[in-house]
Amino acid sequence: MEGTTPKTETRPVFELRLYGFHVIAQSIPGWLVTLASLAGGVAITWWTTQR
């Protein structure tokens, strides 16, 4: 068939299997990466200033 592309199986970005708990993320949104980075920076800053 002309003009068709073969199906490719996409791999998940994140996969967590823990006992009966199974989580798969196909993509991670940019706002979530930003939020996690901000929270990590705040936590590190707080931890280093408490000494």
N, C-alpha and C. Protein backbone atom coordinates (compact mmCIF):
# COMPACT_ATOMS: atom_id res chain seq x y z
N MET A 1 0.84 -1.18 0.00
CA MET A 1 0.00 0.00 0.00
C MET A 1 0.88 1.24 0.00
N GLU A 2 0.56 2.17 -0.84
CA GLU A 2 1.34 3.39 -0.91
C GLU A 2 0.83 4.42 0.10
N GLY A 3 1.75 5.21 0.63
CA GLY A 3 1.36 6.30 1.52
C GLY A 3 1.07 5.89 2.95
N THR A 4 1.29 4.65 3.29
CA THR A 4 1.04 4.24 4.68
C THR A 4 2.37 4.08 5.39
N THR A 5 2.36 4.38 6.65
CA THR A 5 3.57 4.21 7.45
C THR A 5 3.39 2.97 8.32
N PRO A 6 4.47 2.25 8.53
CA PRO A 6 4.34 1.06 9.38
C PRO A 6 4.09 1.45 10.83
N LYS A 7 3.33 0.63 11.52
CA LYS A 7 3.05 0.89 12.93
C LYS A 7 4.31 0.59 13.74
N THR A 8 4.69 1.54 14.56
CA THR A 8 5.83 1.33 15.45
C THR A 8 5.31 1.35 16.87
N GLU A 9 5.81 0.45 17.65
CA GLU A 9 5.38 0.37 19.04
C GLU A 9 6.16 1.39 19.86
N THR A 10 5.45 2.28 20.55
CA THR A 10 6.12 3.30 21.36
C THR A 10 6.37 2.75 22.76
N ARG A 11 7.52 3.10 23.28
CA ARG A 11 7.86 2.70 24.64
C ARG A 11 7.44 3.80 25.60
N PRO A 12 6.97 3.42 26.78
CA PRO A 12 6.56 4.44 27.75
C PRO A 12 7.77 5.21 28.28
N VAL A 13 7.53 6.46 28.65
CA VAL A 13 8.57 7.30 29.23
C VAL A 13 8.89 6.83 30.64
N PHE A 14 7.86 6.43 31.38
CA PHE A 14 8.02 6.01 32.77
C PHE A 14 7.13 4.80 33.02
N GLU A 15 7.69 3.79 33.65
CA GLU A 15 6.91 2.61 34.00
C GLU A 15 7.31 2.16 35.40
N LEU A 16 6.32 1.97 36.25
CA LEU A 16 6.55 1.55 37.63
C LEU A 16 5.70 0.32 37.92
N ARG A 17 6.37 -0.73 38.32
CA ARG A 17 5.66 -1.96 38.73
C ARG A 17 6.10 -2.29 40.15
N LEU A 18 5.14 -2.28 41.04
CA LEU A 18 5.43 -2.55 42.44
C LEU A 18 4.33 -3.45 42.99
N TYR A 19 4.65 -4.72 43.14
CA TYR A 19 3.68 -5.74 43.55
C TYR A 19 2.49 -5.70 42.60
N GLY A 20 1.29 -5.40 43.04
CA GLY A 20 0.13 -5.35 42.17
C GLY A 20 -0.12 -3.97 41.59
N PHE A 21 0.72 -3.01 41.92
CA PHE A 21 0.57 -1.62 41.48
C PHE A 21 1.35 -1.42 40.20
N HIS A 22 0.71 -0.93 39.14
CA HIS A 22 1.36 -0.77 37.85
C HIS A 22 0.97 0.58 37.26
N VAL A 23 1.97 1.45 37.04
CA VAL A 23 1.73 2.78 36.49
C VAL A 23 2.58 2.95 35.24
N ILE A 24 1.96 3.44 34.18
CA ILE A 24 2.68 3.71 32.93
C ILE A 24 2.35 5.14 32.50
N ALA A 25 3.39 5.91 32.16
CA ALA A 25 3.20 7.26 31.63
C ALA A 25 3.77 7.30 30.22
N GLN A 26 2.95 7.68 29.25
CA GLN A 26 3.39 7.75 27.86
C GLN A 26 4.20 9.03 27.61
N SER A 27 3.87 10.10 28.32
CA SER A 27 4.62 11.35 28.19
C SER A 27 4.52 12.12 29.50
N ILE A 28 5.52 12.92 29.76
CA ILE A 28 5.54 13.71 30.99
C ILE A 28 5.38 15.18 30.59
N PRO A 29 4.35 15.86 31.07
CA PRO A 29 4.13 17.26 30.68
C PRO A 29 5.22 18.18 31.24
N GLY A 30 5.49 19.24 30.51
CA GLY A 30 6.53 20.19 30.90
C GLY A 30 6.25 20.86 32.23
N TRP A 31 4.98 21.14 32.51
CA TRP A 31 4.65 21.81 33.77
C TRP A 31 4.98 20.91 34.96
N LEU A 32 4.87 19.59 34.78
CA LEU A 32 5.18 18.68 35.88
C LEU A 32 6.68 18.63 36.14
N VAL A 33 7.48 18.67 35.09
CA VAL A 33 8.94 18.71 35.24
C VAL A 33 9.34 20.00 35.94
N THR A 34 8.72 21.11 35.54
CA THR A 34 9.01 22.40 36.16
C THR A 34 8.64 22.40 37.64
N LEU A 35 7.48 21.86 37.96
CA LEU A 35 7.03 21.80 39.34
C LEU A 35 7.96 20.92 40.19
N ALA A 36 8.37 19.78 39.66
CA ALA A 36 9.27 18.90 40.41
C ALA A 36 10.63 19.56 40.62
N SER A 37 11.13 20.26 39.60
CA SER A 37 12.41 20.97 39.74
C SER A 37 12.32 22.08 40.78
N LEU A 38 11.24 22.81 40.76
CA LEU A 38 11.04 23.89 41.73
C LEU A 38 10.96 23.34 43.15
N ALA A 39 10.19 22.27 43.33
CA ALA A 39 10.06 21.67 44.66
C ALA A 39 11.40 21.13 45.15
N GLY A 40 12.16 20.52 44.26
CA GLY A 40 13.48 20.02 44.65
C GLY A 40 14.42 21.15 45.04
N GLY A 41 14.38 22.24 44.29
CA GLY A 41 15.23 23.40 44.62
C GLY A 41 14.86 24.02 45.95
N VAL A 42 13.57 24.13 46.22
CA VAL A 42 13.11 24.68 47.50
C VAL A 42 13.54 23.76 48.64
N ALA A 43 13.39 22.46 48.46
CA ALA A 43 13.76 21.51 49.52
C ALA A 43 15.26 21.55 49.80
N ILE A 44 16.07 21.61 48.76
CA ILE A 44 17.52 21.66 48.95
C ILE A 44 17.93 22.97 49.62
N THR A 45 17.32 24.07 49.20
CA THR A 45 17.62 25.37 49.81
C THR A 45 17.24 25.38 51.29
N TRP A 46 16.06 24.86 51.60
CA TRP A 46 15.63 24.80 53.00
C TRP A 46 16.57 23.93 53.82
N TRP A 47 16.95 22.76 53.28
CA TRP A 47 17.80 21.83 54.01
C TRP A 47 19.19 22.41 54.28
N THR A 48 19.75 23.12 53.29
CA THR A 48 21.09 23.70 53.46
C THR A 48 21.09 24.91 54.38
N THR A 49 19.98 25.63 54.48
CA THR A 49 19.95 26.80 55.35
C THR A 49 19.60 26.44 56.80
N GLN A 50 19.17 25.23 57.05
CA GLN A 50 18.82 24.80 58.41
C GLN A 50 20.02 24.37 59.22
N ARG A 51 21.15 24.27 58.63
CA ARG A 51 22.34 23.79 59.33
C ARG A 51 23.02 24.86 60.12
